[in-house]
């Protein structure tokens, strides 16, 4: 092999990939995506909790679960299955937009 061929091979040798680094995982990206997935899961969990709380709050305000036997009491079994608005997103929207309770007039 001549000197010119060695120089050309040496120039192009740096452009070849390093086989040891081909399958290296980047821990920073893995940590970031793990945090994104965990935070997205927490947002979904909090949205479900808000929908359930707003559903029960609206049922209490509109007296949809009044106990028929004991006047002025709440039927607990009814509170677990009541649907006080037509859709779950109505509860979510109301809970997200009304941060303070309505003032009495």
C-alpha atoms as a PDB file:
ATOM      1  CA  UNK A   1       0.000   0.000   0.000  1.00  0.00           C
ATOM      2  CA  UNK A   2       1.438   3.370  -0.993  1.00  0.00           C
ATOM      3  CA  UNK A   3       1.711   6.456   1.200  1.00  0.00           C
ATOM      4  CA  UNK A   4      -1.053   8.241  -0.703  1.00  0.00           C
ATOM      5  CA  UNK A   5      -3.400   5.288  -0.114  1.00  0.00           C
ATOM      6  CA  UNK A   6      -2.545   5.297   3.606  1.00  0.00           C
ATOM      7  CA  UNK A   7      -3.290   9.038   3.821  1.00  0.00           C
ATOM      8  CA  UNK A   8      -6.643   8.575   2.078  1.00  0.00           C
ATOM      9  CA  UNK A   9      -7.573   5.658   4.345  1.00  0.00           C
ATOM     10  CA  UNK A  10      -6.540   7.686   7.400  1.00  0.00           C
ATOM     11  CA  UNK A  11      -8.749  10.599   6.281  1.00  0.00           C
ATOM     12  CA  UNK A  12     -11.794   8.392   5.768  1.00  0.00           C
ATOM     13  CA  UNK A  13     -11.152   6.308   8.879  1.00  0.00           C
ATOM     14  CA  UNK A  14     -12.556   9.114  11.081  1.00  0.00           C
ATOM     15  CA  UNK A  15     -15.861   9.094   9.209  1.00  0.00           C
ATOM     16  CA  UNK A  16     -16.586   5.469  10.062  1.00  0.00           C
ATOM     17  CA  UNK A  17     -18.868   4.923  13.059  1.00  0.00           C
ATOM     18  CA  UNK A  18     -17.380   3.670  16.290  1.00  0.00           C
ATOM     19  CA  UNK A  19     -18.933   0.268  16.725  1.00  0.00           C
ATOM     20  CA  UNK A  20     -18.718   0.396  20.531  1.00  0.00           C
ATOM     21  CA  UNK A  21     -20.953   3.498  20.634  1.00  0.00           C
ATOM     22  CA  UNK A  22     -23.605   2.358  18.154  1.00  0.00           C
ATOM     23  CA  UNK A  23     -25.997   0.976  20.768  1.00  0.00           C
ATOM     24  CA  UNK A  24     -25.186   3.326  23.644  1.00  0.00           C
ATOM     25  CA  UNK A  25     -28.256   4.525  25.516  1.00  0.00           C
ATOM     26  CA  UNK A  26     -28.500   8.082  26.652  1.00  0.00           C
ATOM     27  CA  UNK A  27     -29.614   8.219  30.292  1.00  0.00           C
ATOM     28  CA  UNK A  28     -30.653  11.876  30.035  1.00  0.00           C
ATOM     29  CA  UNK A  29     -33.241  11.128  27.348  1.00  0.00           C
ATOM     30  CA  UNK A  30     -34.505   8.118  29.256  1.00  0.00           C
ATOM     31  CA  UNK A  31     -34.879  10.179  32.425  1.00  0.00           C
ATOM     32  CA  UNK A  32     -36.685  12.966  30.571  1.00  0.00           C
ATOM     33  CA  UNK A  33     -39.155  10.611  28.904  1.00  0.00           C
ATOM     34  CA  UNK A  34     -39.727   8.779  32.169  1.00  0.00           C
ATOM     35  CA  UNK A  35     -40.582  12.086  33.838  1.00  0.00           C
ATOM     36  CA  UNK A  36     -42.900  13.010  30.965  1.00  0.00           C
ATOM     37  CA  UNK A  37     -44.771   9.712  31.256  1.00  0.00           C
ATOM     38  CA  UNK A  38     -45.025   9.957  35.055  1.00  0.00           C
ATOM     39  CA  UNK A  39     -46.264  13.552  34.958  1.00  0.00           C
ATOM     40  CA  UNK A  40     -48.784  12.746  32.221  1.00  0.00           C
ATOM     41  CA  UNK A  41     -50.054   9.844  34.333  1.00  0.00           C
ATOM     42  CA  UNK A  42     -50.370  12.145  37.334  1.00  0.00           C
ATOM     43  CA  UNK A  43     -52.335  14.695  35.281  1.00  0.00           C
ATOM     44  CA  UNK A  44     -54.746  11.975  34.134  1.00  0.00           C
ATOM     45  CA  UNK A  45     -55.108  10.707  37.717  1.00  0.00           C
ATOM     46  CA  UNK A  46     -55.813  14.211  39.029  1.00  0.00           C
ATOM     47  CA  UNK A  47     -58.351  14.825  36.250  1.00  0.00           C
ATOM     48  CA  UNK A  48     -60.199  11.621  37.195  1.00  0.00           C
ATOM     49  CA  UNK A  49     -60.185  12.665  40.861  1.00  0.00           C
ATOM     50  CA  UNK A  50     -61.514  16.120  39.939  1.00  0.00           C
ATOM     51  CA  UNK A  51     -64.309  14.622  37.833  1.00  0.00           C
ATOM     52  CA  UNK A  52     -65.375  12.332  40.698  1.00  0.00           C
ATOM     53  CA  UNK A  53     -65.255  15.117  43.288  1.00  0.00           C
ATOM     54  CA  UNK A  54     -67.187  17.551  41.084  1.00  0.00           C
ATOM     55  CA  UNK A  55     -69.776  14.878  40.300  1.00  0.00           C
ATOM     56  CA  UNK A  56     -70.435  14.271  43.991  1.00  0.00           C
ATOM     57  CA  UNK A  57     -70.352  17.996  44.832  1.00  0.00           C
ATOM     58  CA  UNK A  58     -72.931  18.759  42.145  1.00  0.00           C
ATOM     59  CA  UNK A  59     -75.106  15.866  43.319  1.00  0.00           C
ATOM     60  CA  UNK A  60     -75.015  17.248  46.871  1.00  0.00           C
ATOM     61  CA  UNK A  61     -75.855  20.791  45.742  1.00  0.00           C
ATOM     62  CA  UNK A  62     -78.753  19.667  43.549  1.00  0.00           C
ATOM     63  CA  UNK A  63     -79.939  17.173  46.230  1.00  0.00           C
ATOM     64  CA  UNK A  64     -79.970  14.221  43.846  1.00  0.00           C
ATOM     65  CA  UNK A  65     -79.011  11.749  46.588  1.00  0.00           C
ATOM     66  CA  UNK A  66     -81.333  12.694  49.404  1.00  0.00           C
ATOM     67  CA  UNK A  67     -82.076   9.740  51.687  1.00  0.00           C
ATOM     68  CA  UNK A  68     -85.787   8.863  51.369  1.00  0.00           C
ATOM     69  CA  UNK A  69     -86.017   7.447  54.908  1.00  0.00           C
ATOM     70  CA  UNK A  70     -84.004   9.959  56.933  1.00  0.00           C
ATOM     71  CA  UNK A  71     -84.845  13.500  55.868  1.00  0.00           C
ATOM     72  CA  UNK A  72     -81.834  15.803  55.557  1.00  0.00           C
ATOM     73  CA  UNK A  73     -79.360  12.913  55.223  1.00  0.00           C
ATOM     74  CA  UNK A  74     -77.425  11.683  52.175  1.00  0.00           C
ATOM     75  CA  UNK A  75     -77.743   8.227  50.602  1.00  0.00           C
ATOM     76  CA  UNK A  76     -74.131   7.011  50.419  1.00  0.00           C
ATOM     77  CA  UNK A  77     -74.870   4.233  47.898  1.00  0.00           C
ATOM     78  CA  UNK A  78     -76.429   6.801  45.582  1.00  0.00           C
ATOM     79  CA  UNK A  79     -73.388   9.078  45.875  1.00  0.00           C
ATOM     80  CA  UNK A  80     -71.113   6.331  44.544  1.00  0.00           C
ATOM     81  CA  UNK A  81     -73.107   5.808  41.324  1.00  0.00           C
ATOM     82  CA  UNK A  82     -74.767   9.179  40.663  1.00  0.00           C
ATOM     83  CA  UNK A  83     -74.272  11.016  37.371  1.00  0.00           C
ATOM     84  CA  UNK A  84     -75.188  14.605  38.129  1.00  0.00           C
ATOM     85  CA  UNK A  85     -74.274  15.970  34.682  1.00  0.00           C
ATOM     86  CA  UNK A  86     -74.668  14.423  31.212  1.00  0.00           C
ATOM     87  CA  UNK A  87     -70.942  13.806  30.532  1.00  0.00           C
ATOM     88  CA  UNK A  88     -67.706  13.503  32.503  1.00  0.00           C
ATOM     89  CA  UNK A  89     -66.108  16.381  30.617  1.00  0.00           C
ATOM     90  CA  UNK A  90     -68.844  18.702  31.954  1.00  0.00           C
ATOM     91  CA  UNK A  91     -67.556  17.989  35.459  1.00  0.00           C
ATOM     92  CA  UNK A  92     -63.957  18.505  34.368  1.00  0.00           C
ATOM     93  CA  UNK A  93     -64.758  21.799  32.628  1.00  0.00           C
ATOM     94  CA  UNK A  94     -66.728  23.126  35.597  1.00  0.00           C
ATOM     95  CA  UNK A  95     -64.033  22.066  38.058  1.00  0.00           C
ATOM     96  CA  UNK A  96     -61.272  23.676  36.001  1.00  0.00           C
ATOM     97  CA  UNK A  97     -63.096  26.961  35.400  1.00  0.00           C
ATOM     98  CA  UNK A  98     -64.701  27.539  38.799  1.00  0.00           C
ATOM     99  CA  UNK A  99     -61.846  27.699  41.269  1.00  0.00           C
ATOM    100  CA  UNK A 100     -63.880  29.341  44.053  1.00  0.00           C
ATOM    101  CA  UNK A 101     -67.358  28.421  45.247  1.00  0.00           C
ATOM    102  CA  UNK A 102     -70.191  30.657  44.096  1.00  0.00           C
ATOM    103  CA  UNK A 103     -71.044  33.457  46.481  1.00  0.00           C
ATOM    104  CA  UNK A 104     -74.484  33.379  48.091  1.00  0.00           C
ATOM    105  CA  UNK A 105     -76.724  36.283  47.161  1.00  0.00           C
END
